[in-house]
Amino acid sequence: MTEAELYTVYKGVYMPASIHPPQSLKYFEEFSFRSDDIIIATYPKSGTTWMQEIVPLIMSGGDPASVETLPNWQRVPWLEVGQSQLNLEQRPSPRMLATHCQYNVMSPSFFTAKPKVIYVMRNPKDVFTSSFHHHRMASFLVNPGPQTEFLHKFLDGKVQFGSWFDHVKSWLNAEDKERIMYISYEEMIMDLKDSVARIAQFLDKSLDAEVTEKIAERCLFKNMKQNKMSNYSTVPRELMDQTKSEFLRKGTSGDWKNQLTAPEAEHFDAVYKDKMKDVKYKFVWD
């Protein structure tokens, strides 16, 4: 199926229509935030599922029941999916919520309530690589087709949730940066224990060294991948055919080197250099 058949265009970006129908987008636009909400914001395939494991464990003081009893889309719901059946309005604080949306399209109450945000970034070459495999297994996304063709779509922002460059810049340019924690997928790979400790500190959650260690151990990719409440294995094959590609595939950094050809990588670098030339933030992968 084509983009026109599978996607809706919302504020200039593609979104899978089956997951984000008009009523879901209306729910997102009108959502009422609280000041003590915790928002996990990411561009797709940047470490969202990982953070949906880490944050509940931190907030529960390391209690594994927090990630073993509910699928991640229920424990940390997607705002733009409009899961009104989860009665988010009735949930006790602090609520944990997720979004793939850019900063500038958040609902009005987001800017007045000023909840805390954890914004996770990842090397866009690895984002592309993960996205390419994800598009092969998810029926609600356009078949990626030839790799070079999909690469041009990705670099042009003609994929779900638009341009990686626009997305990252929108959150890096956000106001009230003191309420946003910027962290990269690569930092988490390099030192997960330190990352857990920093996230806990940002969330004003006091954890002793032993609990921090246990959370980090549990959230190692190889361990998290075994959690049926996190690996999307309960999702029907009609939606996600994990025989084509696992949802939690490798969890590594630098896999793009096995995916992109030398000319593709060179083209990617040229586009990246141009698009990010005015960005002052120092990325781990630069």
Protein backbone atom coordinates (compact mmCIF):
# COMPACT_ATOMS: atom_id res chain seq x y z
CA MET A 1 0.00 0.00 0.00
CA THR A 2 1.09 3.58 -0.65
CA GLU A 3 1.69 6.51 1.68
CA ALA A 4 -1.64 7.99 0.60
CA GLU A 5 -3.45 4.80 1.62
CA LEU A 6 -1.64 4.18 4.91
CA TYR A 7 -0.78 7.62 6.26
CA THR A 8 -2.56 10.76 7.31
CA VAL A 9 -0.75 14.11 7.12
CA TYR A 10 -0.92 15.85 10.49
CA LYS A 11 0.62 19.32 10.78
CA GLY A 12 2.92 18.58 7.86
CA VAL A 13 4.13 15.10 8.85
CA TYR A 14 3.10 11.56 7.97
CA MET A 15 1.40 9.52 10.70
CA PRO A 16 0.04 5.97 10.31
CA ALA A 17 -3.72 6.50 9.91
CA SER A 18 -4.75 3.21 11.51
CA ILE A 19 -2.96 4.09 14.76
CA HIS A 20 -3.62 7.82 14.73
CA PRO A 21 -7.23 8.34 13.57
CA PRO A 22 -8.78 11.83 13.85
CA GLN A 23 -10.24 11.16 17.31
CA SER A 24 -6.79 10.17 18.60
CA LEU A 25 -5.20 13.33 17.25
CA LYS A 26 -8.01 15.39 18.79
CA TYR A 27 -7.35 13.66 22.13
CA PHE A 28 -3.65 14.56 21.79
CA GLU A 29 -4.41 18.20 20.95
CA GLU A 30 -6.69 18.61 23.95
CA PHE A 31 -4.71 16.57 26.46
CA SER A 32 -4.41 18.19 29.86
CA PHE A 33 -0.93 17.83 31.32
CA ARG A 34 0.01 18.03 34.97
CA SER A 35 3.20 19.65 36.23
CA ASP A 36 4.37 16.35 37.74
CA ASP A 37 3.85 14.28 34.58
CA ILE A 38 6.92 12.53 33.17
CA ILE A 39 7.13 12.63 29.38
CA ILE A 40 9.36 10.35 27.31
CA ALA A 41 9.81 12.10 23.96
CA THR A 42 11.62 10.48 21.04
CA TYR A 43 11.84 10.24 17.30
CA PRO A 44 10.80 6.65 16.35
CA LYS A 45 13.45 3.95 16.81
CA SER A 46 15.58 6.06 19.15
CA GLY A 47 15.23 4.14 22.40
CA THR A 48 11.62 4.69 23.44
CA THR A 49 10.95 1.09 24.48
CA TRP A 50 14.15 1.10 26.48
CA MET A 51 13.11 4.23 28.35
CA GLN A 52 9.61 2.80 28.90
CA GLU A 53 11.40 0.06 30.86
CA ILE A 54 13.84 2.25 32.78
CA VAL A 55 11.52 5.02 33.99
CA PRO A 56 8.81 2.78 35.54
CA LEU A 57 11.52 0.79 37.33
CA ILE A 58 13.04 3.99 38.71
CA MET A 59 9.66 5.33 39.82
CA SER A 60 8.76 2.02 41.50
CA GLY A 61 12.07 1.88 43.33
CA GLY A 62 13.13 -1.13 41.30
CA ASP A 63 9.99 -3.21 41.77
CA PRO A 64 9.92 -5.55 38.72
CA ALA A 65 6.12 -5.78 38.84
CA SER A 66 6.06 -2.30 37.30
CA VAL A 67 7.28 -3.72 34.00
CA GLU A 68 6.10 -7.33 34.21
CA THR A 69 2.35 -6.80 34.65
CA LEU A 70 1.49 -4.25 31.94
CA PRO A 71 2.51 -3.94 28.28
CA ASN A 72 4.71 -0.89 27.82
CA TRP A 73 2.01 0.95 25.82
CA GLN A 74 -0.23 0.75 28.88
CA ARG A 75 2.36 1.54 31.55
CA VAL A 76 3.71 4.50 29.55
CA PRO A 77 0.94 5.28 27.04
CA TRP A 78 1.40 7.10 23.74
CA LEU A 79 -0.47 10.40 23.84
CA GLU A 80 -1.07 10.58 20.07
CA VAL A 81 -2.58 7.09 20.05
CA GLY A 82 -5.45 8.52 22.08
CA GLN A 83 -5.89 5.64 24.46
CA SER A 84 -8.89 7.12 26.22
CA GLN A 85 -9.84 3.65 27.42
CA LEU A 86 -6.84 3.83 29.76
CA ASN A 87 -8.50 6.71 31.64
CA LEU A 88 -5.32 8.74 31.87
CA GLU A 89 -7.27 11.56 33.51
CA GLN A 90 -7.96 9.27 36.48
CA ARG A 91 -4.40 7.99 36.83
CA PRO A 92 -2.61 9.04 40.01
CA SER A 93 0.42 11.27 39.75
CA PRO A 94 3.08 11.11 38.61
CA ARG A 95 1.86 9.80 35.26
CA MET A 96 4.38 8.42 32.78
CA LEU A 97 3.56 9.26 29.16
CA ALA A 98 5.24 8.92 25.76
CA THR A 99 5.18 10.84 22.48
CA HIS A 100 6.89 10.81 19.09
CA CYS A 101 5.67 14.32 18.32
CA GLN A 102 7.77 17.42 17.85
CA TYR A 103 7.95 20.02 20.61
CA ASN A 104 5.99 22.67 18.72
CA VAL A 105 2.85 20.52 18.27
CA MET A 106 2.39 19.60 21.92
CA SER A 107 -0.97 20.61 23.40
CA PRO A 108 -1.36 24.09 24.96
CA SER A 109 -1.39 22.71 28.51
CA PHE A 110 2.08 21.23 27.97
CA PHE A 111 3.51 24.74 27.80
CA THR A 112 1.68 25.96 30.91
CA ALA A 113 1.97 22.85 33.13
CA LYS A 114 5.66 22.41 32.23
CA PRO A 115 6.04 18.68 33.01
CA LYS A 116 9.46 17.04 33.02
CA VAL A 117 10.63 15.58 29.71
CA ILE A 118 13.27 12.97 28.94
CA TYR A 119 14.27 13.43 25.33
CA VAL A 120 16.20 10.49 23.89
CA MET A 121 18.33 10.93 20.77
CA ARG A 122 20.17 8.40 18.65
CA ASN A 123 22.65 8.50 15.78
CA PRO A 124 20.34 9.07 12.78
CA LYS A 125 22.19 6.47 10.70
CA ASP A 126 21.24 3.85 13.29
CA VAL A 127 17.71 5.29 13.45
CA PHE A 128 17.47 4.82 9.69
CA THR A 129 18.79 1.26 9.92
CA SER A 130 16.33 0.31 12.65
CA SER A 131 13.48 2.04 10.79
CA PHE A 132 14.27 0.18 7.58
CA HIS A 133 13.87 -3.18 9.33
CA HIS A 134 10.83 -1.99 11.29
CA HIS A 135 9.05 -0.94 8.11
CA ARG A 136 9.53 -4.46 6.75
CA MET A 137 7.60 -6.06 9.62
CA ALA A 138 4.90 -3.48 10.50
CA SER A 139 1.77 -3.70 8.36
CA PHE A 140 0.67 -0.15 9.29
CA LEU A 141 3.81 1.30 7.66
CA VAL A 142 4.68 1.57 3.98
CA ASN A 143 6.89 -1.21 2.67
CA PRO A 144 10.35 0.42 2.59
CA GLY A 145 11.19 -0.88 -0.88
CA PRO A 146 14.83 -0.63 -2.05
CA GLN A 147 17.18 0.69 0.62
CA THR A 148 18.42 3.70 -1.33
CA GLU A 149 14.85 4.74 -2.10
CA PHE A 150 13.90 4.52 1.58
CA LEU A 151 17.05 6.43 2.53
CA HIS A 152 15.98 9.39 0.39
CA LYS A 153 12.52 9.30 1.96
CA PHE A 154 14.07 9.25 5.42
CA LEU A 155 16.43 12.15 4.70
CA ASP A 156 13.58 14.14 3.13
CA GLY A 157 11.32 13.52 6.14
CA LYS A 158 8.78 11.60 4.07
CA VAL A 159 8.40 8.96 6.76
CA GLN A 160 6.28 8.61 9.88
CA PHE A 161 6.66 11.61 12.23
CA GLY A 162 8.56 13.56 9.63
CA SER A 163 12.18 14.64 9.50
CA TRP A 164 14.63 13.38 12.12
CA PHE A 165 16.46 16.69 11.75
CA ASP A 166 13.34 18.79 12.38
CA HIS A 167 12.34 16.59 15.30
CA VAL A 168 15.66 16.80 17.12
CA LYS A 169 16.03 20.52 16.48
CA SER A 170 12.50 21.22 17.73
CA TRP A 171 13.30 19.67 21.13
CA LEU A 172 16.83 21.08 21.33
CA ASN A 173 15.37 24.55 20.73
CA ALA A 174 12.68 24.11 23.36
CA GLU A 175 12.10 26.75 26.00
CA ASP A 176 12.43 25.86 29.68
CA LYS A 177 15.34 23.53 29.01
CA GLU A 178 15.83 23.03 32.74
CA ARG A 179 12.79 20.72 32.70
CA ILE A 180 14.15 18.64 29.80
CA MET A 181 16.79 15.97 30.17
CA TYR A 182 18.66 15.26 26.95
CA ILE A 183 20.22 11.82 26.77
CA SER A 184 21.41 9.64 23.91
CA TYR A 185 20.97 5.98 23.13
CA GLU A 186 24.74 5.77 22.83
CA GLU A 187 25.30 7.13 26.35
CA MET A 188 22.96 4.45 27.69
CA ILE A 189 24.89 1.75 25.85
CA MET A 190 28.23 3.06 27.10
CA ASP A 191 27.23 3.25 30.78
CA LEU A 192 23.69 2.17 31.60
CA LYS A 193 24.19 2.30 35.37
CA ASP A 194 25.34 5.92 35.20
CA SER A 195 22.44 6.74 32.86
CA VAL A 196 19.92 5.20 35.28
CA ALA A 197 21.45 7.19 38.15
CA ARG A 198 21.25 10.45 36.18
CA ILE A 199 17.67 9.81 35.11
CA ALA A 200 16.70 9.06 38.71
CA GLN A 201 18.34 12.27 39.86
CA PHE A 202 16.49 14.26 37.19
CA LEU A 203 13.21 12.70 38.37
CA ASP A 204 14.04 13.49 42.03
CA LYS A 205 13.91 9.80 42.85
CA SER A 206 16.43 8.67 45.43
CA LEU A 207 17.86 5.21 44.69
CA ASP A 208 20.65 3.46 46.52
CA ALA A 209 23.54 1.97 44.57
CA GLU A 210 22.18 -1.59 44.81
CA VAL A 211 18.78 -0.67 43.35
CA THR A 212 20.44 1.36 40.59
CA GLU A 213 22.61 -1.65 39.75
CA LYS A 214 19.59 -3.99 39.65
CA ILE A 215 17.62 -1.65 37.36
CA ALA A 216 20.58 -1.30 35.01
CA GLU A 217 21.07 -5.07 34.91
CA ARG A 218 17.41 -5.70 34.22
CA CYS A 219 17.41 -3.09 31.45
CA LEU A 220 20.35 -4.52 29.56
CA PHE A 221 19.03 -5.15 26.07
CA LYS A 222 19.50 -8.92 26.24
CA ASN A 223 17.45 -9.06 29.46
CA MET A 224 14.75 -6.59 28.45
CA LYS A 225 14.28 -8.48 25.18
CA GLN A 226 13.00 -11.45 27.20
CA ASN A 227 10.19 -9.41 28.80
CA LYS A 228 6.96 -10.26 26.95
CA MET A 229 5.45 -7.03 28.27
CA SER A 230 8.13 -5.08 26.40
CA ASN A 231 9.12 -7.03 23.28
CA TYR A 232 5.77 -6.66 21.47
CA SER A 233 5.47 -10.45 21.16
CA THR A 234 1.82 -10.17 22.26
CA VAL A 235 0.97 -7.97 19.27
CA PRO A 236 -0.86 -9.91 16.49
CA ARG A 237 1.30 -10.93 13.54
CA GLU A 238 -1.09 -9.08 11.22
CA LEU A 239 0.21 -5.85 12.76
CA MET A 240 3.82 -6.80 13.41
CA ASP A 241 5.30 -9.86 11.74
CA GLN A 242 8.34 -10.53 13.89
CA THR A 243 9.35 -13.44 11.66
CA LYS A 244 10.48 -10.73 9.21
CA SER A 245 12.32 -8.65 11.80
CA GLU A 246 12.19 -8.61 15.58
CA PHE A 247 10.81 -5.47 17.19
CA LEU A 248 13.72 -5.47 19.63
CA ARG A 249 16.33 -6.40 17.06
CA LYS A 250 19.93 -5.72 18.12
CA GLY A 251 20.01 -2.81 20.55
CA THR A 252 23.49 -1.80 19.42
CA SER A 253 25.29 1.29 18.26
CA GLY A 254 26.94 1.48 14.84
CA ASP A 255 24.89 -1.20 13.05
CA TRP A 256 24.48 1.32 10.21
CA LYS A 257 28.00 0.30 9.13
CA ASN A 258 26.57 -3.12 8.24
CA GLN A 259 23.60 -1.56 6.43
CA LEU A 260 24.61 1.52 4.46
CA THR A 261 26.83 1.35 1.40
CA ALA A 262 29.79 3.73 1.25
CA PRO A 263 28.02 6.10 -1.21
CA GLU A 264 24.85 6.04 0.94
CA ALA A 265 26.83 6.87 4.08
CA GLU A 266 28.64 9.66 2.27
CA HIS A 267 25.34 11.12 1.07
CA PHE A 268 23.89 10.83 4.56
CA ASP A 269 26.89 12.69 6.02
CA ALA A 270 26.52 15.51 3.50
CA VAL A 271 22.82 15.97 4.28
CA TYR A 272 23.50 15.76 8.04
CA LYS A 273 26.26 18.39 7.83
CA ASP A 274 23.96 20.77 5.98
CA LYS A 275 20.86 20.23 8.11
CA MET A 276 22.68 20.39 11.46
CA LYS A 277 25.17 23.17 10.70
CA ASP A 278 23.50 25.64 13.09
CA VAL A 279 23.06 23.17 15.97
CA LYS A 280 25.38 23.83 18.90
CA TYR A 281 24.56 20.68 20.85
CA LYS A 282 27.46 18.22 21.07
CA PHE A 283 26.22 14.78 20.06
CA VAL A 284 28.04 11.65 21.22
CA TRP A 285 28.33 10.38 17.65
CA ASP A 286 29.84 13.57 16.20
